[in-house]
Every structure is written in C-alpha cells, then in structure tokens.
Amino acid sequence: MTVKTRKKTETRLMTGAEIVVTALREQGVDVLFGYPGGAVLPIYDALHSAPELQHVLVRHEQGAGHAAEGYAR
C-alpha cells in the first residue's frame, strides 16, 4: 500500500490478513461465515478495519459452509 504524506511517499507492506480483507472488499463480499481461532486469528484482527463486512459466527467449520451455501441461494 502506498501512503502519501506531505513530506514524501511511503510504502508499507501489507500482511497476508490485510490482503485477504482487501480482496474480499474488491470482490464485493459483504457477509462472512466463520469460526475464529488458531491460524485465522490474524484475519479476524484485520476485519476490524472493515466494518462494512458482516461476520456470522457459526458453531463449527462445517456449519459455516452450509450457512454460506444457504445464504447464497
């Protein structure tokens, strides 16, 4: 990401989680189904910068898949 300031242009590397959230925004995703924990916690941290993305908490991973499929219909 390039950030312009008065003095100069600075380049900051994005984390993988920030890239995922940016890609979700660019693809027009507005609802996410998931279960936070373990390796995906950085993505959940990055979601705080995207209040337009609604997260639906499910009880387990399989439930997320079924809920997302039902929502898409």
N, C-alpha and C. Protein backbone atom coordinates (compact mmCIF):
# COMPACT_ATOMS: atom_id res chain seq x y z
N MET A 1 0.84 -1.15 0.00
CA MET A 1 0.00 0.00 0.00
C MET A 1 0.90 1.23 0.00
N THR A 2 0.56 2.21 -0.80
CA THR A 2 1.32 3.45 -0.85
C THR A 2 0.56 4.52 -0.10
N VAL A 3 1.25 5.19 0.79
CA VAL A 3 0.65 6.25 1.60
C VAL A 3 1.35 7.55 1.26
N LYS A 4 0.58 8.57 0.83
CA LYS A 4 1.18 9.86 0.50
C LYS A 4 1.09 10.78 1.72
N THR A 5 2.20 11.37 2.05
CA THR A 5 2.25 12.35 3.13
C THR A 5 2.77 13.65 2.55
N ARG A 6 2.81 14.69 3.37
CA ARG A 6 3.29 15.98 2.88
C ARG A 6 4.77 15.91 2.50
N LYS A 7 5.52 15.17 3.25
CA LYS A 7 6.96 15.15 3.03
C LYS A 7 7.39 14.19 1.93
N LYS A 8 6.80 13.00 1.90
CA LYS A 8 7.23 12.01 0.92
C LYS A 8 6.17 10.92 0.78
N THR A 9 6.41 10.03 -0.14
CA THR A 9 5.54 8.88 -0.32
C THR A 9 6.21 7.68 0.35
N GLU A 10 5.46 7.02 1.22
CA GLU A 10 5.99 5.88 1.93
C GLU A 10 5.26 4.62 1.47
N THR A 11 5.99 3.53 1.38
CA THR A 11 5.40 2.26 1.02
C THR A 11 5.41 1.36 2.25
N ARG A 12 4.27 0.78 2.56
CA ARG A 12 4.15 -0.13 3.70
C ARG A 12 3.71 -1.49 3.19
N LEU A 13 4.38 -2.53 3.63
CA LEU A 13 3.98 -3.87 3.24
C LEU A 13 2.71 -4.27 3.97
N MET A 14 1.81 -4.93 3.25
CA MET A 14 0.57 -5.41 3.86
C MET A 14 0.79 -6.83 4.38
N THR A 15 0.11 -7.16 5.45
CA THR A 15 0.16 -8.54 5.95
C THR A 15 -0.74 -9.41 5.08
N GLY A 16 -0.59 -10.70 5.19
CA GLY A 16 -1.45 -11.61 4.45
C GLY A 16 -2.91 -11.42 4.82
N ALA A 17 -3.18 -11.18 6.09
CA ALA A 17 -4.55 -10.97 6.54
C ALA A 17 -5.15 -9.70 5.93
N GLU A 18 -4.35 -8.64 5.84
CA GLU A 18 -4.83 -7.39 5.23
C GLU A 18 -5.11 -7.60 3.74
N ILE A 19 -4.30 -8.42 3.09
CA ILE A 19 -4.52 -8.72 1.67
C ILE A 19 -5.84 -9.48 1.50
N VAL A 20 -6.12 -10.43 2.39
CA VAL A 20 -7.37 -11.18 2.32
C VAL A 20 -8.57 -10.25 2.47
N VAL A 21 -8.53 -9.36 3.45
CA VAL A 21 -9.64 -8.42 3.67
C VAL A 21 -9.80 -7.48 2.47
N THR A 22 -8.69 -7.01 1.92
CA THR A 22 -8.75 -6.15 0.73
C THR A 22 -9.38 -6.90 -0.44
N ALA A 23 -8.99 -8.15 -0.64
CA ALA A 23 -9.56 -8.95 -1.73
C ALA A 23 -11.05 -9.16 -1.54
N LEU A 24 -11.48 -9.41 -0.30
CA LEU A 24 -12.91 -9.58 -0.03
C LEU A 24 -13.68 -8.31 -0.39
N ARG A 25 -13.14 -7.16 -0.01
CA ARG A 25 -13.78 -5.88 -0.35
C ARG A 25 -13.87 -5.70 -1.86
N GLU A 26 -12.75 -5.95 -2.55
CA GLU A 26 -12.71 -5.75 -4.01
C GLU A 26 -13.66 -6.68 -4.75
N GLN A 27 -13.92 -7.86 -4.20
CA GLN A 27 -14.82 -8.82 -4.84
C GLN A 27 -16.28 -8.59 -4.46
N GLY A 28 -16.54 -7.59 -3.64
CA GLY A 28 -17.91 -7.25 -3.29
C GLY A 28 -18.53 -8.13 -2.22
N VAL A 29 -17.71 -8.82 -1.46
CA VAL A 29 -18.21 -9.66 -0.38
C VAL A 29 -18.75 -8.75 0.73
N ASP A 30 -19.92 -9.10 1.27
CA ASP A 30 -20.46 -8.30 2.36
C ASP A 30 -20.77 -9.12 3.61
N VAL A 31 -20.84 -10.45 3.47
CA VAL A 31 -21.13 -11.31 4.61
C VAL A 31 -20.12 -12.45 4.64
N LEU A 32 -19.57 -12.71 5.83
CA LEU A 32 -18.61 -13.81 6.03
C LEU A 32 -19.17 -14.77 7.06
N PHE A 33 -18.96 -16.05 6.86
CA PHE A 33 -19.36 -17.06 7.82
C PHE A 33 -18.10 -17.73 8.32
N GLY A 34 -17.95 -17.84 9.63
CA GLY A 34 -16.73 -18.46 10.11
C GLY A 34 -16.71 -18.70 11.60
N TYR A 35 -15.62 -19.34 12.01
CA TYR A 35 -15.40 -19.70 13.40
C TYR A 35 -13.97 -19.28 13.74
N PRO A 36 -13.79 -18.23 14.54
CA PRO A 36 -12.44 -17.73 14.80
C PRO A 36 -11.63 -18.67 15.69
N GLY A 37 -10.33 -18.66 15.45
CA GLY A 37 -9.43 -19.43 16.29
C GLY A 37 -8.21 -19.88 15.51
N GLY A 38 -7.15 -20.12 16.22
CA GLY A 38 -5.94 -20.67 15.63
C GLY A 38 -5.33 -19.82 14.55
N ALA A 39 -5.11 -20.42 13.41
CA ALA A 39 -4.36 -19.79 12.32
C ALA A 39 -5.10 -18.63 11.66
N VAL A 40 -6.42 -18.54 11.81
CA VAL A 40 -7.17 -17.47 11.14
C VAL A 40 -7.35 -16.22 12.01
N LEU A 41 -6.82 -16.22 13.21
CA LEU A 41 -6.99 -15.05 14.09
C LEU A 41 -6.46 -13.76 13.48
N PRO A 42 -5.33 -13.76 12.75
CA PRO A 42 -4.90 -12.51 12.12
C PRO A 42 -5.93 -11.94 11.13
N ILE A 43 -6.66 -12.81 10.46
CA ILE A 43 -7.71 -12.34 9.54
C ILE A 43 -8.82 -11.67 10.34
N TYR A 44 -9.19 -12.25 11.45
CA TYR A 44 -10.22 -11.64 12.29
C TYR A 44 -9.75 -10.30 12.85
N ASP A 45 -8.47 -10.19 13.18
CA ASP A 45 -7.93 -8.90 13.62
C ASP A 45 -8.03 -7.87 12.50
N ALA A 46 -7.72 -8.29 11.27
CA ALA A 46 -7.77 -7.37 10.12
C ALA A 46 -9.21 -6.96 9.79
N LEU A 47 -10.17 -7.78 10.14
CA LEU A 47 -11.58 -7.45 9.87
C LEU A 47 -12.05 -6.23 10.65
N HIS A 48 -11.35 -5.87 11.71
CA HIS A 48 -11.72 -4.66 12.46
C HIS A 48 -11.59 -3.41 11.61
N SER A 49 -10.77 -3.47 10.58
CA SER A 49 -10.60 -2.31 9.69
C SER A 49 -11.66 -2.29 8.58
N ALA A 50 -12.56 -3.26 8.59
CA ALA A 50 -13.58 -3.36 7.54
C ALA A 50 -14.97 -3.51 8.16
N PRO A 51 -15.50 -2.44 8.74
CA PRO A 51 -16.81 -2.55 9.40
C PRO A 51 -17.96 -2.87 8.43
N GLU A 52 -17.73 -2.67 7.13
CA GLU A 52 -18.78 -2.98 6.16
C GLU A 52 -18.93 -4.48 5.92
N LEU A 53 -17.97 -5.28 6.37
CA LEU A 53 -18.05 -6.73 6.23
C LEU A 53 -18.72 -7.30 7.48
N GLN A 54 -19.85 -7.97 7.27
CA GLN A 54 -20.60 -8.56 8.38
C GLN A 54 -20.11 -9.99 8.60
N HIS A 55 -19.79 -10.33 9.84
CA HIS A 55 -19.34 -11.68 10.16
C HIS A 55 -20.46 -12.43 10.88
N VAL A 56 -20.73 -13.65 10.43
CA VAL A 56 -21.72 -14.51 11.08
C VAL A 56 -20.96 -15.62 11.77
N LEU A 57 -21.06 -15.67 13.09
CA LEU A 57 -20.37 -16.68 13.88
C LEU A 57 -21.16 -17.98 13.84
N VAL A 58 -20.46 -19.07 13.52
CA VAL A 58 -21.09 -20.39 13.49
C VAL A 58 -20.45 -21.26 14.57
N ARG A 59 -21.04 -22.41 14.81
CA ARG A 59 -20.55 -23.26 15.90
C ARG A 59 -19.39 -24.15 15.49
N HIS A 60 -19.26 -24.43 14.19
CA HIS A 60 -18.10 -25.19 13.70
C HIS A 60 -17.94 -24.94 12.21
N GLU A 61 -16.79 -25.37 11.67
CA GLU A 61 -16.44 -25.06 10.28
C GLU A 61 -17.45 -25.61 9.28
N GLN A 62 -17.94 -26.82 9.52
CA GLN A 62 -18.91 -27.40 8.59
C GLN A 62 -20.18 -26.56 8.54
N GLY A 63 -20.59 -26.06 9.68
CA GLY A 63 -21.76 -25.19 9.72
C GLY A 63 -21.57 -23.92 8.91
N ALA A 64 -20.34 -23.41 8.87
CA ALA A 64 -20.06 -22.21 8.08
C ALA A 64 -20.29 -22.48 6.60
N GLY A 65 -19.85 -23.62 6.13
CA GLY A 65 -20.04 -23.97 4.72
C GLY A 65 -21.52 -24.08 4.37
N HIS A 66 -22.28 -24.75 5.23
CA HIS A 66 -23.71 -24.90 4.98
C HIS A 66 -24.44 -23.56 5.06
N ALA A 67 -24.08 -22.74 6.03
CA ALA A 67 -24.72 -21.43 6.17
C ALA A 67 -24.42 -20.55 4.97
N ALA A 68 -23.18 -20.56 4.51
CA ALA A 68 -22.81 -19.75 3.35
C ALA A 68 -23.55 -20.22 2.10
N GLU A 69 -23.67 -21.54 1.94
CA GLU A 69 -24.39 -22.05 0.78
C GLU A 69 -25.87 -21.65 0.83
N GLY A 70 -26.47 -21.76 2.00
CA GLY A 70 -27.87 -21.36 2.14
C GLY A 70 -28.06 -19.87 1.91
N TYR A 71 -27.14 -19.07 2.40
CA TYR A 71 -27.22 -17.61 2.21
C TYR A 71 -27.10 -17.25 0.73
N ALA A 72 -26.27 -17.98 0.00
CA ALA A 72 -26.04 -17.68 -1.42
C ALA A 72 -27.26 -18.01 -2.27
N ARG A 73 -28.09 -18.90 -1.82
CA ARG A 73 -29.28 -19.28 -2.58
C ARG A 73 -30.30 -18.21 -2.44
